[in-house]
C-alpha cells in the first residue's frame, strides 16, 4: 500500500497545507500556482530524499520531519514556494517505509494582473444605468464589476484594454470593436481612451470611447489565502457610457446583456437612484465605481 502526504514550503519554512494532491495546485483557474518542475526519485534515494522505517503512529510528525529534511536539502526554492511529497509504503509487520521523494517548485503561469470594465447605458430621456454582475446565487449576494485576469495570447500577454473588452463579451455578452488598432507602439501600456463600436444582445448598437479609470492594487484572493500564497495583484479599469436613442427601463437594459451562466450567475442593472446603496464584494470595486461616477460628475 502506498499513499502520499503533501507539504508546502516557503522561504525555508515548511508547513501542512490544505491540498491533498499535486493536481489540486492547478485545479482552479488563475489562483493556485502550477508546478514548474517536479523532481522525483526513480527508486534510489538522492541527497534530498531521506528514508525512514517507522511505526505508523505519529505519521504526520514523522512525515513533516522527513519533508523538512528533504526541503532543506534542495538548496533552491521556487519563487512562490514548493510542494514536498512524502510517500508512505506499508511493508508489513506493522512497519511503514517513509520516503520524502519529490519536491515541486511553484510558479504562477500568469501574473496576478486583472482588468475591469464599467459599462453605463444612457437613454434618450437622460436616464443612466450601470451594468455589473453577481458571481454567487442570482438575486442575492454582493455585486462585482465585469472583469477578470489578463490572459496570455501565445507568447504575448493581453493589454488591459484587450482584457477588459474580452471580459465584457465573455461575462455579459457585450461586443466591443475598436475603430482602430490598439495603440501598442506609443510606449503607453494603458491608453487614456479607445474609440469603440458596441453591439448588444438584440439589435442595439452604439459608438463611444472607453476611458481609462486607472490602476489599483487589489487584495490577495481568498484562494491564494487558503493555499498560503501571496502575490502582488492589481487591476486596470476602463469605463464607457453608451448612448441609446430611445427610452429604456431597467428590464430593457437587462435584456441587452447576457450572463455566461458559469461564474456569472446574474447580470445586474442599477438605476441612478440605486448607485449610492450598491454593495460590492471587493472594496476596490466600490472605489472604481465611485471613481467612474466622479468622472460623470455624479455624487453619491
C-alpha atoms as a PDB file:
ATOM      1  CA  UNK A   1       0.000   0.000   0.000  1.00  0.00           C
ATOM      2  CA  UNK A   2       1.281   3.460  -0.871  1.00  0.00           C
ATOM      3  CA  UNK A   3      -0.103   6.885  -0.050  1.00  0.00           C
ATOM      4  CA  UNK A   4       1.222  10.397  -0.417  1.00  0.00           C
ATOM      5  CA  UNK A   5       1.308  13.306   2.032  1.00  0.00           C
ATOM      6  CA  UNK A   6       1.956  16.808   0.759  1.00  0.00           C
ATOM      7  CA  UNK A   7       3.555  19.774   2.467  1.00  0.00           C
ATOM      8  CA  UNK A   8       4.060  23.371   1.458  1.00  0.00           C
ATOM      9  CA  UNK A   9       7.362  25.180   1.813  1.00  0.00           C
ATOM     10  CA  UNK A  10       8.058  28.882   1.529  1.00  0.00           C
ATOM     11  CA  UNK A  11      11.342  30.704   2.127  1.00  0.00           C
ATOM     12  CA  UNK A  12      12.833  27.858   4.086  1.00  0.00           C
ATOM     13  CA  UNK A  13       9.769  27.160   6.251  1.00  0.00           C
ATOM     14  CA  UNK A  14       7.614  24.079   5.880  1.00  0.00           C
ATOM     15  CA  UNK A  15       4.017  23.506   6.932  1.00  0.00           C
ATOM     16  CA  UNK A  16       0.970  21.381   6.168  1.00  0.00           C
ATOM     17  CA  UNK A  17      -1.332  22.913   3.609  1.00  0.00           C
ATOM     18  CA  UNK A  18      -4.927  22.174   2.532  1.00  0.00           C
ATOM     19  CA  UNK A  19      -4.141  20.283  -0.659  1.00  0.00           C
ATOM     20  CA  UNK A  20      -4.050  16.527  -0.916  1.00  0.00           C
ATOM     21  CA  UNK A  21      -2.555  16.056  -4.350  1.00  0.00           C
ATOM     22  CA  UNK A  22      -0.332  17.823  -6.814  1.00  0.00           C
ATOM     23  CA  UNK A  23      -3.295  18.171  -9.164  1.00  0.00           C
ATOM     24  CA  UNK A  24      -5.069  20.344  -6.593  1.00  0.00           C
ATOM     25  CA  UNK A  25      -2.464  23.046  -7.124  1.00  0.00           C
ATOM     26  CA  UNK A  26      -3.603  23.606 -10.708  1.00  0.00           C
ATOM     27  CA  UNK A  27      -7.291  22.728 -10.330  1.00  0.00           C
ATOM     28  CA  UNK A  28      -8.606  26.295 -10.030  1.00  0.00           C
ATOM     29  CA  UNK A  29      -8.199  28.815 -12.819  1.00  0.00           C
ATOM     30  CA  UNK A  30      -5.759  31.668 -12.145  1.00  0.00           C
ATOM     31  CA  UNK A  31      -5.299  31.351  -8.402  1.00  0.00           C
ATOM     32  CA  UNK A  32      -3.149  28.410  -7.265  1.00  0.00           C
ATOM     33  CA  UNK A  33       0.302  28.269  -8.862  1.00  0.00           C
ATOM     34  CA  UNK A  34       1.480  25.461 -11.090  1.00  0.00           C
ATOM     35  CA  UNK A  35       4.330  23.051 -10.506  1.00  0.00           C
ATOM     36  CA  UNK A  36       7.114  24.492 -12.613  1.00  0.00           C
ATOM     37  CA  UNK A  37       9.330  21.480 -12.051  1.00  0.00           C
ATOM     38  CA  UNK A  38       8.701  18.230 -10.238  1.00  0.00           C
ATOM     39  CA  UNK A  39      11.835  16.454  -9.085  1.00  0.00           C
ATOM     40  CA  UNK A  40      11.026  12.807  -8.410  1.00  0.00           C
ATOM     41  CA  UNK A  41      13.155   9.935  -7.164  1.00  0.00           C
ATOM     42  CA  UNK A  42      13.429   6.966  -9.541  1.00  0.00           C
ATOM     43  CA  UNK A  43      13.767   4.416  -6.755  1.00  0.00           C
ATOM     44  CA  UNK A  44      17.187   5.302  -5.442  1.00  0.00           C
ATOM     45  CA  UNK A  45      17.284   7.854  -2.638  1.00  0.00           C
ATOM     46  CA  UNK A  46      19.034  11.078  -3.607  1.00  0.00           C
ATOM     47  CA  UNK A  47      20.587  13.729  -1.392  1.00  0.00           C
ATOM     48  CA  UNK A  48      17.216  15.268  -0.643  1.00  0.00           C
ATOM     49  CA  UNK A  49      15.293  12.009  -0.187  1.00  0.00           C
ATOM     50  CA  UNK A  50      15.550  10.913   3.452  1.00  0.00           C
ATOM     51  CA  UNK A  51      14.176   7.419   4.146  1.00  0.00           C
ATOM     52  CA  UNK A  52      12.773   6.209   7.458  1.00  0.00           C
ATOM     53  CA  UNK A  53      11.168   2.960   8.636  1.00  0.00           C
ATOM     54  CA  UNK A  54       8.755   3.732  11.436  1.00  0.00           C
ATOM     55  CA  UNK A  55       5.681   2.675  13.341  1.00  0.00           C
ATOM     56  CA  UNK A  56       2.526   4.225  11.836  1.00  0.00           C
ATOM     57  CA  UNK A  57       1.730   6.181  14.991  1.00  0.00           C
ATOM     58  CA  UNK A  58       2.503   9.862  14.633  1.00  0.00           C
ATOM     59  CA  UNK A  59       2.718   9.627  10.853  1.00  0.00           C
ATOM     60  CA  UNK A  60       2.092  13.370  10.365  1.00  0.00           C
ATOM     61  CA  UNK A  61       5.026  14.349  12.575  1.00  0.00           C
ATOM     62  CA  UNK A  62       7.265  11.695  11.002  1.00  0.00           C
ATOM     63  CA  UNK A  63       6.300  12.860   7.505  1.00  0.00           C
ATOM     64  CA  UNK A  64       6.794  16.514   8.389  1.00  0.00           C
ATOM     65  CA  UNK A  65      10.234  15.723   9.801  1.00  0.00           C
ATOM     66  CA  UNK A  66      11.225  13.904   6.612  1.00  0.00           C
ATOM     67  CA  UNK A  67       9.773  16.612   4.405  1.00  0.00           C
ATOM     68  CA  UNK A  68      11.718  19.243   6.339  1.00  0.00           C
ATOM     69  CA  UNK A  69      14.949  17.323   5.773  1.00  0.00           C
ATOM     70  CA  UNK A  70      14.194  16.937   2.084  1.00  0.00           C
ATOM     71  CA  UNK A  71      13.230  20.579   1.708  1.00  0.00           C
ATOM     72  CA  UNK A  72      16.397  21.769   3.420  1.00  0.00           C
ATOM     73  CA  UNK A  73      18.445  19.630   1.055  1.00  0.00           C
ATOM     74  CA  UNK A  74      17.018  21.076  -2.141  1.00  0.00           C
ATOM     75  CA  UNK A  75      19.207  24.159  -1.910  1.00  0.00           C
ATOM     76  CA  UNK A  76      16.952  26.334  -4.077  1.00  0.00           C
ATOM     77  CA  UNK A  77      13.323  27.277  -3.879  1.00  0.00           C
ATOM     78  CA  UNK A  78      10.514  28.303  -6.209  1.00  0.00           C
ATOM     79  CA  UNK A  79       9.512  31.961  -6.287  1.00  0.00           C
ATOM     80  CA  UNK A  80       6.153  31.130  -4.711  1.00  0.00           C
ATOM     81  CA  UNK A  81       7.194  28.146  -2.609  1.00  0.00           C
ATOM     82  CA  UNK A  82       7.440  24.420  -3.097  1.00  0.00           C
ATOM     83  CA  UNK A  83       5.351  21.285  -2.716  1.00  0.00           C
ATOM     84  CA  UNK A  84       7.148  18.476  -0.894  1.00  0.00           C
ATOM     85  CA  UNK A  85       5.823  14.928  -1.174  1.00  0.00           C
ATOM     86  CA  UNK A  86       6.341  12.152   1.355  1.00  0.00           C
ATOM     87  CA  UNK A  87       5.321   8.674   0.192  1.00  0.00           C
ATOM     88  CA  UNK A  88       4.293   6.077   2.786  1.00  0.00           C
ATOM     89  CA  UNK A  89       4.692   2.364   1.990  1.00  0.00           C
ATOM     90  CA  UNK A  90       3.195  -0.466   4.050  1.00  0.00           C
ATOM     91  CA  UNK A  91       5.976  -3.062   4.260  1.00  0.00           C
ATOM     92  CA  UNK A  92       4.164  -5.394   6.669  1.00  0.00           C
ATOM     93  CA  UNK A  93       4.677  -6.402  10.305  1.00  0.00           C
ATOM     94  CA  UNK A  94       3.257  -3.069  11.429  1.00  0.00           C
ATOM     95  CA  UNK A  95       6.100  -1.168   9.831  1.00  0.00           C
ATOM     96  CA  UNK A  96       5.989   1.569   7.214  1.00  0.00           C
ATOM     97  CA  UNK A  97       8.606   2.994   4.925  1.00  0.00           C
ATOM     98  CA  UNK A  98       8.523   6.776   4.578  1.00  0.00           C
ATOM     99  CA  UNK A  99      10.321   8.342   1.626  1.00  0.00           C
ATOM    100  CA  UNK A 100      10.484  12.099   1.059  1.00  0.00           C
ATOM    101  CA  UNK A 101      10.748  11.552  -2.651  1.00  0.00           C
ATOM    102  CA  UNK A 102       9.761  14.684  -4.536  1.00  0.00           C
ATOM    103  CA  UNK A 103       9.935  18.465  -4.479  1.00  0.00           C
ATOM    104  CA  UNK A 104       7.958  20.661  -6.871  1.00  0.00           C
ATOM    105  CA  UNK A 105       8.843  24.316  -7.439  1.00  0.00           C
ATOM    106  CA  UNK A 106       5.793  26.560  -7.658  1.00  0.00           C
ATOM    107  CA  UNK A 107       5.289  29.384 -10.147  1.00  0.00           C
ATOM    108  CA  UNK A 108       2.264  31.317 -11.408  1.00  0.00           C
ATOM    109  CA  UNK A 109       1.692  30.757 -15.108  1.00  0.00           C
ATOM    110  CA  UNK A 110       0.059  34.192 -15.394  1.00  0.00           C
ATOM    111  CA  UNK A 111       0.664  37.378 -13.440  1.00  0.00           C
ATOM    112  CA  UNK A 112      -1.899  38.446 -10.846  1.00  0.00           C
ATOM    113  CA  UNK A 113      -2.973  41.349 -13.037  1.00  0.00           C
ATOM    114  CA  UNK A 114      -6.595  41.955 -13.967  1.00  0.00           C
ATOM    115  CA  UNK A 115      -8.757  44.309 -15.989  1.00  0.00           C
ATOM    116  CA  UNK A 116     -12.296  45.567 -15.365  1.00  0.00           C
ATOM    117  CA  UNK A 117     -14.862  47.334 -17.486  1.00  0.00           C
ATOM    118  CA  UNK A 118     -17.596  49.595 -16.107  1.00  0.00           C
ATOM    119  CA  UNK A 119     -20.394  49.991 -18.693  1.00  0.00           C
ATOM    120  CA  UNK A 120     -23.109  52.638 -18.345  1.00  0.00           C
ATOM    121  CA  UNK A 121     -26.197  52.993 -20.540  1.00  0.00           C
ATOM    122  CA  UNK A 122     -27.853  56.403 -21.058  1.00  0.00           C
ATOM    123  CA  UNK A 123     -31.229  56.511 -22.821  1.00  0.00           C
ATOM    124  CA  UNK A 124     -32.891  59.330 -24.778  1.00  0.00           C
ATOM    125  CA  UNK A 125     -34.536  60.712 -21.615  1.00  0.00           C
ATOM    126  CA  UNK A 126     -31.188  61.017 -19.848  1.00  0.00           C
ATOM    127  CA  UNK A 127     -31.767  58.005 -17.570  1.00  0.00           C
ATOM    128  CA  UNK A 128     -28.463  56.433 -16.574  1.00  0.00           C
ATOM    129  CA  UNK A 129     -27.957  52.743 -15.801  1.00  0.00           C
ATOM    130  CA  UNK A 130     -24.910  50.801 -14.629  1.00  0.00           C
ATOM    131  CA  UNK A 131     -24.257  47.169 -15.509  1.00  0.00           C
ATOM    132  CA  UNK A 132     -22.478  44.819 -13.090  1.00  0.00           C
ATOM    133  CA  UNK A 133     -22.753  41.159 -12.108  1.00  0.00           C
ATOM    134  CA  UNK A 134     -23.277  38.680  -9.318  1.00  0.00           C
ATOM    135  CA  UNK A 135     -20.983  35.667  -9.242  1.00  0.00           C
ATOM    136  CA  UNK A 136     -22.874  33.942  -6.429  1.00  0.00           C
ATOM    137  CA  UNK A 137     -26.522  32.956  -6.497  1.00  0.00           C
ATOM    138  CA  UNK A 138     -28.816  35.112  -8.612  1.00  0.00           C
ATOM    139  CA  UNK A 139     -30.881  37.599  -6.647  1.00  0.00           C
ATOM    140  CA  UNK A 140     -28.620  37.597  -3.591  1.00  0.00           C
ATOM    141  CA  UNK A 141     -25.073  38.272  -2.597  1.00  0.00           C
ATOM    142  CA  UNK A 142     -22.715  41.185  -3.244  1.00  0.00           C
ATOM    143  CA  UNK A 143     -22.075  42.801  -6.599  1.00  0.00           C
ATOM    144  CA  UNK A 144     -18.907  42.629  -8.681  1.00  0.00           C
ATOM    145  CA  UNK A 145     -17.518  44.537 -11.620  1.00  0.00           C
ATOM    146  CA  UNK A 146     -17.276  42.904 -15.005  1.00  0.00           C
ATOM    147  CA  UNK A 147     -13.678  41.785 -15.425  1.00  0.00           C
ATOM    148  CA  UNK A 148     -11.038  39.173 -14.820  1.00  0.00           C
ATOM    149  CA  UNK A 149      -7.397  38.252 -15.125  1.00  0.00           C
ATOM    150  CA  UNK A 150      -5.311  39.311 -18.086  1.00  0.00           C
ATOM    151  CA  UNK A 151      -4.646  36.312 -20.332  1.00  0.00           C
ATOM    152  CA  UNK A 152      -1.774  35.141 -22.466  1.00  0.00           C
ATOM    153  CA  UNK A 153      -2.039  35.003 -26.238  1.00  0.00           C
ATOM    154  CA  UNK A 154       0.654  32.634 -27.348  1.00  0.00           C
ATOM    155  CA  UNK A 155       3.892  34.194 -26.179  1.00  0.00           C
ATOM    156  CA  UNK A 156       2.393  37.655 -25.619  1.00  0.00           C
ATOM    157  CA  UNK A 157       0.168  38.986 -22.868  1.00  0.00           C
ATOM    158  CA  UNK A 158      -3.015  40.967 -23.446  1.00  0.00           C
ATOM    159  CA  UNK A 159      -3.117  44.655 -22.723  1.00  0.00           C
ATOM    160  CA  UNK A 160      -5.540  45.746 -20.006  1.00  0.00           C
ATOM    161  CA  UNK A 161      -7.866  47.226 -22.636  1.00  0.00           C
ATOM    162  CA  UNK A 162      -7.888  43.984 -24.627  1.00  0.00           C
ATOM    163  CA  UNK A 163      -8.687  42.029 -21.465  1.00  0.00           C
ATOM    164  CA  UNK A 164     -11.459  44.432 -20.454  1.00  0.00           C
ATOM    165  CA  UNK A 165     -13.063  44.083 -23.884  1.00  0.00           C
ATOM    166  CA  UNK A 166     -12.733  40.294 -23.836  1.00  0.00           C
ATOM    167  CA  UNK A 167     -14.179  40.017 -20.334  1.00  0.00           C
ATOM    168  CA  UNK A 168     -17.091  42.242 -21.337  1.00  0.00           C
ATOM    169  CA  UNK A 169     -18.013  39.777 -24.052  1.00  0.00           C
ATOM    170  CA  UNK A 170     -17.382  36.625 -22.027  1.00  0.00           C
ATOM    171  CA  UNK A 171     -19.286  37.729 -18.932  1.00  0.00           C
ATOM    172  CA  UNK A 172     -22.176  39.860 -20.208  1.00  0.00           C
ATOM    173  CA  UNK A 173     -22.208  39.407 -23.981  1.00  0.00           C
ATOM    174  CA  UNK A 174     -21.060  42.966 -24.727  1.00  0.00           C
ATOM    175  CA  UNK A 175     -19.275  43.139 -28.082  1.00  0.00           C
ATOM    176  CA  UNK A 176     -16.793  45.992 -28.376  1.00  0.00           C
ATOM    177  CA  UNK A 177     -14.810  46.573 -31.547  1.00  0.00           C
ATOM    178  CA  UNK A 178     -12.102  49.246 -31.540  1.00  0.00           C
ATOM    179  CA  UNK A 179     -12.396  51.577 -34.519  1.00  0.00           C
ATOM    180  CA  UNK A 180      -8.636  51.454 -34.944  1.00  0.00           C
ATOM    181  CA  UNK A 181      -5.977  49.002 -33.842  1.00  0.00           C
ATOM    182  CA  UNK A 182      -4.872  49.103 -30.233  1.00  0.00           C
ATOM    183  CA  UNK A 183      -2.198  51.785 -29.725  1.00  0.00           C
ATOM    184  CA  UNK A 184       0.675  49.494 -28.720  1.00  0.00           C
ATOM    185  CA  UNK A 185       3.572  51.483 -30.139  1.00  0.00           C
ATOM    186  CA  UNK A 186       3.390  54.765 -28.233  1.00  0.00           C
ATOM    187  CA  UNK A 187       5.070  53.429 -25.077  1.00  0.00           C
ATOM    188  CA  UNK A 188       1.852  53.680 -23.045  1.00  0.00           C
ATOM    189  CA  UNK A 189       0.512  50.262 -21.986  1.00  0.00           C
ATOM    190  CA  UNK A 190      -2.797  51.822 -20.869  1.00  0.00           C
ATOM    191  CA  UNK A 191      -4.172  54.283 -23.445  1.00  0.00           C
ATOM    192  CA  UNK A 192      -6.328  57.046 -21.945  1.00  0.00           C
ATOM    193  CA  UNK A 193      -9.185  56.355 -24.336  1.00  0.00           C
ATOM    194  CA  UNK A 194     -10.126  53.974 -27.129  1.00  0.00           C
ATOM    195  CA  UNK A 195     -12.870  54.637 -29.675  1.00  0.00           C
ATOM    196  CA  UNK A 196     -15.140  51.588 -29.909  1.00  0.00           C
ATOM    197  CA  UNK A 197     -18.311  50.350 -31.571  1.00  0.00           C
ATOM    198  CA  UNK A 198     -20.653  48.422 -29.289  1.00  0.00           C
ATOM    199  CA  UNK A 199     -23.114  45.685 -30.162  1.00  0.00           C
ATOM    200  CA  UNK A 200     -25.558  44.459 -27.537  1.00  0.00           C
ATOM    201  CA  UNK A 201     -27.811  41.431 -27.313  1.00  0.00           C
ATOM    202  CA  UNK A 202     -30.590  42.077 -29.817  1.00  0.00           C
ATOM    203  CA  UNK A 203     -30.274  44.890 -32.324  1.00  0.00           C
ATOM    204  CA  UNK A 204     -28.998  47.800 -30.213  1.00  0.00           C
ATOM    205  CA  UNK A 205     -25.700  49.397 -31.219  1.00  0.00           C
ATOM    206  CA  UNK A 206     -23.724  52.390 -30.048  1.00  0.00           C
ATOM    207  CA  UNK A 207     -20.418  54.164 -30.531  1.00  0.00           C
ATOM    208  CA  UNK A 208     -18.392  55.706 -27.733  1.00  0.00           C
ATOM    209  CA  UNK A 209     -14.961  55.684 -26.146  1.00  0.00           C
ATOM    210  CA  UNK A 210     -13.505  53.568 -23.408  1.00  0.00           C
ATOM    211  CA  UNK A 211     -11.988  55.886 -20.814  1.00  0.00           C
ATOM    212  CA  UNK A 212      -9.181  54.843 -18.524  1.00  0.00           C
ATOM    213  CA  UNK A 213     -10.085  54.995 -14.828  1.00  0.00           C
ATOM    214  CA  UNK A 214      -6.669  53.909 -13.625  1.00  0.00           C
ATOM    215  CA  UNK A 215      -4.882  51.023 -11.943  1.00  0.00           C
ATOM    216  CA  UNK A 216      -5.395  49.999  -8.326  1.00  0.00           C
ATOM    217  CA  UNK A 217      -3.749  47.361  -6.181  1.00  0.00           C
ATOM    218  CA  UNK A 218      -6.113  44.626  -5.076  1.00  0.00           C
ATOM    219  CA  UNK A 219      -6.108  42.378  -2.013  1.00  0.00           C
ATOM    220  CA  UNK A 220      -4.850  38.815  -2.079  1.00  0.00           C
ATOM    221  CA  UNK A 221      -7.587  36.489  -3.333  1.00  0.00           C
ATOM    222  CA  UNK A 222      -9.418  34.107  -0.990  1.00  0.00           C
ATOM    223  CA  UNK A 223      -7.994  31.143  -2.912  1.00  0.00           C
ATOM    224  CA  UNK A 224      -4.445  32.428  -2.517  1.00  0.00           C
ATOM    225  CA  UNK A 225      -5.016  32.936   1.212  1.00  0.00           C
ATOM    226  CA  UNK A 226      -6.398  29.409   1.579  1.00  0.00           C
ATOM    227  CA  UNK A 227      -3.268  27.971  -0.005  1.00  0.00           C
ATOM    228  CA  UNK A 228      -0.967  30.290   1.934  1.00  0.00           C
ATOM    229  CA  UNK A 229       0.369  32.083  -1.134  1.00  0.00           C
ATOM    230  CA  UNK A 230       0.955  35.787  -1.582  1.00  0.00           C
ATOM    231  CA  UNK A 231       1.479  37.823  -4.720  1.00  0.00           C
ATOM    232  CA  UNK A 232       1.077  41.418  -5.816  1.00  0.00           C
ATOM    233  CA  UNK A 233      -2.247  41.847  -7.592  1.00  0.00           C
ATOM    234  CA  UNK A 234      -3.651  44.836  -9.425  1.00  0.00           C
ATOM    235  CA  UNK A 235      -6.431  45.718 -11.820  1.00  0.00           C
ATOM    236  CA  UNK A 236      -6.725  48.348 -14.539  1.00  0.00           C
ATOM    237  CA  UNK A 237     -10.231  49.626 -15.212  1.00  0.00           C
ATOM    238  CA  UNK A 238     -11.972  51.276 -18.150  1.00  0.00           C
ATOM    239  CA  UNK A 239     -15.432  52.829 -18.236  1.00  0.00           C
ATOM    240  CA  UNK A 240     -17.812  53.700 -21.056  1.00  0.00           C
ATOM    241  CA  UNK A 241     -21.180  55.432 -21.448  1.00  0.00           C
ATOM    242  CA  UNK A 242     -23.255  54.009 -24.292  1.00  0.00           C
ATOM    243  CA  UNK A 243     -25.946  56.327 -25.672  1.00  0.00           C
ATOM    244  CA  UNK A 244     -29.149  54.594 -26.793  1.00  0.00           C
ATOM    245  CA  UNK A 245     -31.609  56.703 -28.751  1.00  0.00           C
ATOM    246  CA  UNK A 246     -34.828  55.639 -27.044  1.00  0.00           C
ATOM    247  CA  UNK A 247     -36.430  55.408 -23.611  1.00  0.00           C
ATOM    248  CA  UNK A 248     -35.322  52.354 -21.644  1.00  0.00           C
ATOM    249  CA  UNK A 249     -36.488  50.632 -18.477  1.00  0.00           C
ATOM    250  CA  UNK A 250     -34.285  48.516 -16.195  1.00  0.00           C
ATOM    251  CA  UNK A 251     -35.782  45.407 -17.819  1.00  0.00           C
ATOM    252  CA  UNK A 252     -34.993  46.788 -21.284  1.00  0.00           C
ATOM    253  CA  UNK A 253     -31.372  47.371 -20.342  1.00  0.00           C
ATOM    254  CA  UNK A 254     -31.043  43.950 -18.733  1.00  0.00           C
ATOM    255  CA  UNK A 255     -32.292  42.404 -21.970  1.00  0.00           C
ATOM    256  CA  UNK A 256     -29.309  43.969 -23.759  1.00  0.00           C
ATOM    257  CA  UNK A 257     -26.883  41.760 -21.800  1.00  0.00           C
ATOM    258  CA  UNK A 258     -26.471  38.073 -21.106  1.00  0.00           C
ATOM    259  CA  UNK A 259     -24.579  36.290 -18.320  1.00  0.00           C
ATOM    260  CA  UNK A 260     -22.337  33.374 -19.188  1.00  0.00           C
ATOM    261  CA  UNK A 261     -24.125  31.031 -16.773  1.00  0.00           C
ATOM    262  CA  UNK A 262     -20.931  29.669 -15.197  1.00  0.00           C
ATOM    263  CA  UNK A 263     -19.171  32.205 -12.976  1.00  0.00           C
ATOM    264  CA  UNK A 264     -21.652  34.975 -13.720  1.00  0.00           C
ATOM    265  CA  UNK A 265     -24.956  33.955 -12.166  1.00  0.00           C
ATOM    266  CA  UNK A 266     -26.758  37.210 -12.855  1.00  0.00           C
ATOM    267  CA  UNK A 267     -26.361  40.418 -14.831  1.00  0.00           C
ATOM    268  CA  UNK A 268     -27.450  43.298 -12.591  1.00  0.00           C
ATOM    269  CA  UNK A 269     -28.678  46.679 -13.834  1.00  0.00           C
ATOM    270  CA  UNK A 270     -28.602  49.570 -11.347  1.00  0.00           C
ATOM    271  CA  UNK A 271     -30.638  52.697 -11.955  1.00  0.00           C
ATOM    272  CA  UNK A 272     -29.193  56.007 -10.801  1.00  0.00           C
ATOM    273  CA  UNK A 273     -31.170  56.035  -7.546  1.00  0.00           C
ATOM    274  CA  UNK A 274     -29.526  52.719  -6.630  1.00  0.00           C
ATOM    275  CA  UNK A 275     -25.947  53.904  -7.116  1.00  0.00           C
ATOM    276  CA  UNK A 276     -25.409  55.052  -3.535  1.00  0.00           C
ATOM    277  CA  UNK A 277     -26.577  51.776  -1.998  1.00  0.00           C
ATOM    278  CA  UNK A 278     -24.672  49.445  -4.317  1.00  0.00           C
ATOM    279  CA  UNK A 279     -22.867  46.825  -2.212  1.00  0.00           C
ATOM    280  CA  UNK A 280     -19.756  45.372  -3.853  1.00  0.00           C
ATOM    281  CA  UNK A 281     -17.907  42.318  -2.608  1.00  0.00           C
ATOM    282  CA  UNK A 282     -14.489  43.927  -3.000  1.00  0.00           C
ATOM    283  CA  UNK A 283     -13.627  47.373  -1.698  1.00  0.00           C
ATOM    284  CA  UNK A 284     -11.597  48.236  -4.789  1.00  0.00           C
ATOM    285  CA  UNK A 285     -14.697  47.569  -6.930  1.00  0.00           C
ATOM    286  CA  UNK A 286     -16.599  50.185  -4.965  1.00  0.00           C
ATOM    287  CA  UNK A 287     -13.636  52.542  -5.256  1.00  0.00           C
ATOM    288  CA  UNK A 288     -13.531  52.183  -9.042  1.00  0.00           C
ATOM    289  CA  UNK A 289     -17.310  52.582  -9.288  1.00  0.00           C
ATOM    290  CA  UNK A 290     -17.182  55.832  -7.297  1.00  0.00           C
ATOM    291  CA  UNK A 291     -14.273  56.998  -9.453  1.00  0.00           C
ATOM    292  CA  UNK A 292     -16.383  56.404 -12.563  1.00  0.00           C
ATOM    293  CA  UNK A 293     -19.276  58.332 -11.043  1.00  0.00           C
ATOM    294  CA  UNK A 294     -16.859  61.161 -10.306  1.00  0.00           C
ATOM    295  CA  UNK A 295     -15.887  61.281 -13.981  1.00  0.00           C
ATOM    296  CA  UNK A 296     -19.609  61.568 -14.745  1.00  0.00           C
ATOM    297  CA  UNK A 297     -19.930  64.342 -12.125  1.00  0.00           C
ATOM    298  CA  UNK A 298     -22.326  62.239 -10.040  1.00  0.00           C
ATOM    299  CA  UNK A 299     -22.046  62.416  -6.275  1.00  0.00           C
ATOM    300  CA  UNK A 300     -23.235  59.551  -4.052  1.00  0.00           C
END
